[in-house]
N, C-alpha and C. Protein backbone atom coordinates (compact mmCIF):
# COMPACT_ATOMS: atom_id res chain seq x y z
N ARG A 1 0.93 -1.16 -0.19
CA ARG A 1 0.03 0.05 0.41
C ARG A 1 0.71 1.21 -0.11
N MET A 2 0.25 2.35 -0.72
CA MET A 2 1.12 3.48 -0.46
C MET A 2 0.23 4.92 -0.55
N ASP A 3 0.60 5.87 -0.05
CA ASP A 3 0.11 7.04 0.18
C ASP A 3 1.65 7.62 -0.52
N PHE A 4 0.69 8.43 -1.76
CA PHE A 4 1.69 9.58 -2.54
C PHE A 4 0.97 10.92 -2.84
N TYR A 5 1.55 11.94 -1.98
CA TYR A 5 0.88 13.26 -1.93
C TYR A 5 2.14 14.50 -2.45
N ASP A 6 1.35 15.70 -2.74
CA ASP A 6 2.08 16.49 -2.88
C ASP A 6 1.65 17.76 -1.84
N ASP A 7 2.57 18.12 -0.88
CA ASP A 7 1.80 19.42 -0.04
C ASP A 7 2.37 20.48 -0.48
N PRO A 8 1.51 21.95 -1.17
CA PRO A 8 1.98 23.02 -1.60
C PRO A 8 2.67 23.51 -0.29
N LEU A 9 2.90 22.93 0.85
CA LEU A 9 3.86 23.91 1.83
C LEU A 9 5.47 23.64 1.53
N ILE A 10 5.47 22.45 0.98
CA ILE A 10 6.87 22.08 0.95
C ILE A 10 7.38 21.94 -0.08
N PRO A 11 8.53 21.62 -0.68
CA PRO A 11 8.97 21.65 -2.45
C PRO A 11 9.14 20.46 -2.92
N VAL A 12 8.59 19.46 -2.07
CA VAL A 12 8.88 18.15 -2.63
C VAL A 12 7.74 17.22 -3.12
N THR A 13 7.46 16.00 -3.76
CA THR A 13 6.63 15.35 -3.71
C THR A 13 6.98 14.20 -3.08
N VAL A 14 6.09 13.45 -2.25
CA VAL A 14 6.63 12.42 -1.52
C VAL A 14 5.58 11.08 -1.82
N ALA A 15 6.50 9.95 -1.56
CA ALA A 15 5.57 8.95 -1.98
C ALA A 15 5.95 7.97 -0.54
N VAL A 16 5.02 7.10 0.03
CA VAL A 16 4.94 6.32 1.77
C VAL A 16 4.79 5.06 1.42
N LEU A 17 5.70 4.15 1.22
CA LEU A 17 5.16 3.02 0.64
C LEU A 17 5.53 2.02 2.08
N GLU A 18 4.17 1.31 2.62
CA GLU A 18 4.55 -0.02 3.85
C GLU A 18 5.40 -1.18 3.06
N VAL A 19 6.16 -1.34 3.90
CA VAL A 19 6.87 -2.60 3.59
C VAL A 19 7.22 -3.15 4.92
N PRO A 20 6.80 -3.45 5.64
CA PRO A 20 6.77 -4.27 7.15
C PRO A 20 7.77 -5.52 6.80
N GLY A 21 8.70 -5.19 7.74
CA GLY A 21 9.29 -6.88 7.74
C GLY A 21 10.53 -7.00 6.64
N VAL A 22 10.37 -5.95 5.37
CA VAL A 22 11.30 -6.26 4.30
C VAL A 22 12.83 -5.29 4.71
N ARG A 23 13.62 -5.92 4.28
CA ARG A 23 15.24 -5.44 4.84
C ARG A 23 15.63 -4.37 3.13
N SER A 24 16.48 -3.29 3.78
CA SER A 24 16.99 -2.36 3.24
C SER A 24 17.78 -3.57 2.19
N GLU A 25 18.67 -4.54 2.38
CA GLU A 25 19.42 -5.22 1.27
C GLU A 25 18.33 -6.10 -0.20
N ASP A 26 16.88 -6.25 0.28
CA ASP A 26 15.73 -6.88 0.00
C ASP A 26 14.87 -5.90 -1.01
N LEU A 27 15.70 -4.54 -1.13
CA LEU A 27 14.78 -3.45 -1.75
C LEU A 27 15.74 -2.87 -2.86
N GLN A 28 15.28 -2.64 -4.17
CA GLN A 28 16.24 -2.00 -5.31
C GLN A 28 14.78 -0.68 -5.75
N LEU A 29 15.64 0.00 -5.87
CA LEU A 29 14.83 1.60 -6.89
C LEU A 29 15.57 1.62 -7.87
N ARG A 30 14.87 1.52 -9.15
CA ARG A 30 15.54 2.36 -10.23
C ARG A 30 14.59 3.21 -11.45
N ILE A 31 15.79 4.08 -11.86
CA ILE A 31 14.47 5.02 -13.06
C ILE A 31 14.71 4.61 -14.34
N ASP A 32 13.93 4.38 -14.88
CA ASP A 32 13.99 4.03 -16.10
C ASP A 32 13.02 4.94 -17.14
N ARG A 33 13.28 5.71 -18.06
CA ARG A 33 12.52 6.08 -19.22
C ARG A 33 11.30 7.02 -18.16
N GLY A 34 11.62 7.82 -16.86
CA GLY A 34 11.04 9.00 -15.99
C GLY A 34 10.01 7.67 -14.98
N VAL A 35 10.07 6.60 -14.81
CA VAL A 35 9.46 5.88 -14.12
C VAL A 35 10.08 5.28 -13.09
N LEU A 36 9.62 5.55 -11.67
CA LEU A 36 10.45 5.22 -10.82
C LEU A 36 9.89 3.85 -10.37
N HIS A 37 10.61 3.05 -10.35
CA HIS A 37 10.65 1.24 -10.34
C HIS A 37 11.02 0.90 -8.89
N VAL A 38 9.84 0.21 -7.67
CA VAL A 38 10.56 -0.10 -6.69
C VAL A 38 10.40 -1.50 -6.44
N ILE A 39 11.19 -2.04 -6.23
CA ILE A 39 11.16 -3.78 -6.31
C ILE A 39 11.84 -4.09 -4.93
N GLY A 40 10.65 -4.84 -4.68
CA GLY A 40 11.48 -5.81 -3.24
C GLY A 40 10.70 -6.97 -2.88
N ARG A 41 11.31 -7.47 -2.08
CA ARG A 41 10.96 -9.21 -1.60
C ARG A 41 11.03 -9.05 -0.19
N ARG A 42 9.72 -9.77 0.47
CA ARG A 42 9.52 -9.95 1.94
C ARG A 42 9.43 -11.66 2.12
N ARG A 43 10.66 -11.92 2.69
CA ARG A 43 10.88 -13.01 3.21
C ARG A 43 10.37 -13.48 4.34
N PRO A 44 9.64 -14.78 4.46
CA PRO A 44 8.93 -15.31 5.74
C PRO A 44 10.25 -15.32 6.86
N ARG A 45 9.46 -15.53 7.82
CA ARG A 45 10.80 -15.73 9.16
C ARG A 45 10.35 -17.09 9.36
N TYR A 46 9.26 -17.88 9.02
CA TYR A 46 9.50 -19.66 9.12
C TYR A 46 9.98 -20.17 8.06
N ARG A 47 11.05 -20.87 7.79
CA ARG A 47 11.22 -21.94 6.75
C ARG A 47 12.17 -22.91 7.55
N LEU A 48 11.65 -23.94 6.33
CA LEU A 48 12.26 -25.15 6.94
C LEU A 48 13.94 -25.16 6.99
N ASN A 49 14.55 -25.81 7.99
CA ASN A 49 16.16 -25.57 8.40
C ASN A 49 16.63 -24.20 8.56
N GLN A 50 15.78 -23.39 9.22
CA GLN A 50 16.36 -21.63 9.33
C GLN A 50 15.50 -21.58 10.98
N PRO A 51 16.61 -20.68 11.87
CA PRO A 51 16.01 -20.86 13.11
C PRO A 51 14.49 -19.89 12.56
N PRO A 52 13.29 -20.26 13.46
CA PRO A 52 12.09 -19.53 13.69
C PRO A 52 12.02 -18.68 14.40
N LEU A 53 13.06 -18.43 15.45
CA LEU A 53 13.34 -16.67 16.29
C LEU A 53 14.65 -16.79 16.23
N PRO A 54 14.91 -15.64 16.70
CA PRO A 54 16.55 -15.14 16.60
C PRO A 54 17.00 -15.50 17.94
N GLY A 55 18.18 -16.16 17.47
CA GLY A 55 18.70 -16.83 18.37
C GLY A 55 18.94 -18.09 18.65
N GLN A 56 17.64 -18.94 18.09
CA GLN A 56 17.15 -20.41 18.29
C GLN A 56 17.89 -20.78 17.18
N PRO A 57 18.46 -22.43 17.74
CA PRO A 57 19.27 -22.85 16.47
C PRO A 57 17.85 -23.65 15.19
N ALA A 58 18.81 -23.93 14.59
CA ALA A 58 18.10 -24.62 13.19
C ALA A 58 17.45 -26.06 13.60
N VAL A 59 16.26 -26.40 12.58
CA VAL A 59 15.98 -27.57 13.27
C VAL A 59 15.88 -28.45 11.75
N ASP A 60 15.78 -29.45 11.87
CA ASP A 60 15.42 -30.22 10.40
C ASP A 60 13.83 -30.76 11.10
N GLY A 61 13.52 -31.10 9.90
CA GLY A 61 12.08 -32.03 9.96
C GLY A 61 11.12 -31.26 9.49
N PRO A 62 10.00 -31.84 9.57
CA PRO A 62 8.70 -31.72 8.18
C PRO A 62 8.63 -30.27 8.34
N PRO A 63 8.29 -29.32 7.44
CA PRO A 63 7.56 -28.21 7.40
C PRO A 63 6.73 -27.92 8.64
N VAL A 64 6.80 -26.41 8.86
CA VAL A 64 5.75 -25.77 9.71
C VAL A 64 4.44 -25.70 9.09
N ALA A 65 3.89 -26.34 9.86
CA ALA A 65 2.20 -26.50 9.75
C ALA A 65 1.13 -25.02 10.07
N PHE A 66 1.27 -24.45 9.14
CA PHE A 66 0.06 -23.09 9.98
C PHE A 66 -1.03 -23.15 9.78
N HIS A 67 -1.80 -22.57 10.75
CA HIS A 67 -3.10 -22.38 10.93
C HIS A 67 -3.83 -21.29 10.24
N THR A 68 -3.10 -20.20 10.07
CA THR A 68 -3.72 -19.09 9.35
C THR A 68 -2.52 -18.36 9.09
N GLN A 69 -2.91 -18.12 7.49
CA GLN A 69 -1.22 -17.58 7.08
C GLN A 69 -2.15 -16.35 6.08
N ASP A 70 -1.84 -15.23 6.81
CA ASP A 70 -2.22 -14.23 6.13
C ASP A 70 -1.57 -13.02 5.61
N LEU A 71 -0.26 -13.42 6.07
CA LEU A 71 1.03 -12.93 5.49
C LEU A 71 1.09 -13.05 4.25
N TYR A 72 1.84 -11.98 3.59
CA TYR A 72 2.12 -11.77 2.39
C TYR A 72 3.78 -12.09 1.85
N TYR A 73 4.03 -13.00 1.19
CA TYR A 73 5.79 -13.13 1.52
C TYR A 73 5.81 -13.08 -0.45
N GLY A 74 7.16 -12.75 -0.30
CA GLY A 74 7.52 -13.00 -1.84
C GLY A 74 7.96 -11.27 -2.51
N ILE A 75 7.94 -11.41 -3.97
CA ILE A 75 8.54 -9.99 -4.65
C ILE A 75 7.12 -9.32 -5.21
N PHE A 76 7.34 -8.25 -4.64
CA PHE A 76 6.34 -7.00 -4.86
C PHE A 76 6.81 -6.13 -6.05
N ARG A 77 6.36 -5.03 -6.57
CA ARG A 77 6.99 -4.32 -7.43
C ARG A 77 5.69 -3.25 -7.19
N ARG A 78 6.20 -1.91 -7.55
CA ARG A 78 5.78 -0.67 -7.56
C ARG A 78 6.24 0.46 -8.76
N GLN A 79 5.72 0.70 -9.51
CA GLN A 79 5.80 1.98 -10.37
C GLN A 79 5.20 3.26 -10.18
N ILE A 80 5.83 4.25 -10.56
CA ILE A 80 5.64 5.31 -10.06
C ILE A 80 6.05 6.85 -10.78
N LEU A 81 5.52 7.63 -11.44
CA LEU A 81 5.70 8.32 -12.53
C LEU A 81 6.34 9.46 -12.12
N LEU A 82 7.56 10.07 -12.70
CA LEU A 82 8.10 11.12 -12.32
C LEU A 82 7.91 12.32 -12.79
N PRO A 83 8.30 13.21 -12.63
CA PRO A 83 7.91 14.61 -13.46
C PRO A 83 9.03 14.57 -14.44
N GLN A 84 8.38 15.41 -15.41
CA GLN A 84 9.38 15.28 -16.33
C GLN A 84 11.28 16.03 -16.11
N GLY A 85 12.40 15.48 -16.48
CA GLY A 85 13.23 16.13 -16.18
C GLY A 85 13.84 15.77 -14.20
N CYS A 86 13.19 14.73 -14.15
CA CYS A 86 13.91 14.08 -12.55
C CYS A 86 14.97 13.05 -12.61
N THR A 87 15.93 13.29 -12.41
CA THR A 87 16.55 12.37 -12.22
C THR A 87 17.42 11.55 -11.21
N PRO A 88 17.96 10.04 -11.24
CA PRO A 88 18.14 9.13 -10.11
C PRO A 88 18.47 10.45 -9.21
N GLU A 89 19.16 11.49 -9.11
CA GLU A 89 20.00 12.23 -8.08
C GLU A 89 19.08 12.87 -7.39
N ASP A 90 18.04 13.39 -8.00
CA ASP A 90 16.83 13.87 -7.64
C ASP A 90 16.20 13.28 -6.38
N VAL A 91 15.79 11.61 -6.92
CA VAL A 91 15.48 10.79 -6.11
C VAL A 91 15.86 10.50 -4.63
N CYS A 92 15.32 10.91 -3.09
CA CYS A 92 15.90 10.47 -2.02
C CYS A 92 15.07 9.21 -1.13
N SER A 93 15.64 8.57 -0.63
CA SER A 93 14.63 7.89 0.18
C SER A 93 15.08 7.31 1.65
N GLN A 94 14.27 6.80 2.84
CA GLN A 94 14.63 6.76 3.99
C GLN A 94 13.47 5.07 4.43
N LEU A 95 14.06 3.94 4.67
CA LEU A 95 13.56 3.05 5.23
C LEU A 95 13.66 3.01 6.54
N ALA A 96 12.39 3.29 7.51
CA ALA A 96 12.34 3.22 8.83
C ALA A 96 10.88 2.62 9.40
N ASP A 97 10.83 1.93 10.15
CA ASP A 97 9.52 1.89 10.94
C ASP A 97 8.82 0.81 9.93
N GLY A 98 9.35 0.25 8.92
CA GLY A 98 8.34 -0.41 8.12
C GLY A 98 7.43 0.48 7.02
N HIS A 99 8.22 1.79 6.63
CA HIS A 99 7.64 2.15 5.96
C HIS A 99 9.00 2.71 4.79
N LEU A 100 8.75 3.10 3.70
CA LEU A 100 9.86 3.15 2.66
C LEU A 100 9.42 4.46 2.29
N THR A 101 10.10 5.37 2.50
CA THR A 101 9.41 6.87 2.21
C THR A 101 10.35 7.57 1.37
N LEU A 102 9.67 8.17 -0.40
CA LEU A 102 10.57 8.55 -1.14
C LEU A 102 9.95 10.07 -1.52
N TRP A 103 11.00 10.43 -1.77
CA TRP A 103 10.89 11.98 -2.53
C TRP A 103 11.53 12.84 -3.33
N TRP A 104 10.87 13.51 -4.36
CA TRP A 104 11.65 14.19 -5.25
C TRP A 104 10.88 15.50 -5.47
N PRO A 105 12.26 16.65 -6.04
CA PRO A 105 11.34 17.71 -6.28
C PRO A 105 10.38 17.74 -7.05
N ARG A 106 9.31 18.60 -7.13
CA ARG A 106 8.16 19.03 -8.27
C ARG A 106 8.78 18.76 -9.56
């Protein structure tokens, strides 16, 4: 999900994307023909042969049986049209508290 806004009181346009659980190394930003591409991957916390929680040892055995699985894992993409003349150097980003904030000049 994303909020994309243009506040006339500040000199930039802002996009805020929800990316809970996504690490910075699993995010890619690129600009191609005036379009900002946000590509990311949300990895599951529980996988076979990986520690289920930080600090616990990995265990061999059958896969985890989920009783409910509402969380989305995998690759996601978002495309945002940038204003004409906007360059990669103009786009700034910050990842904090499960949100990716992007901004660039109008």
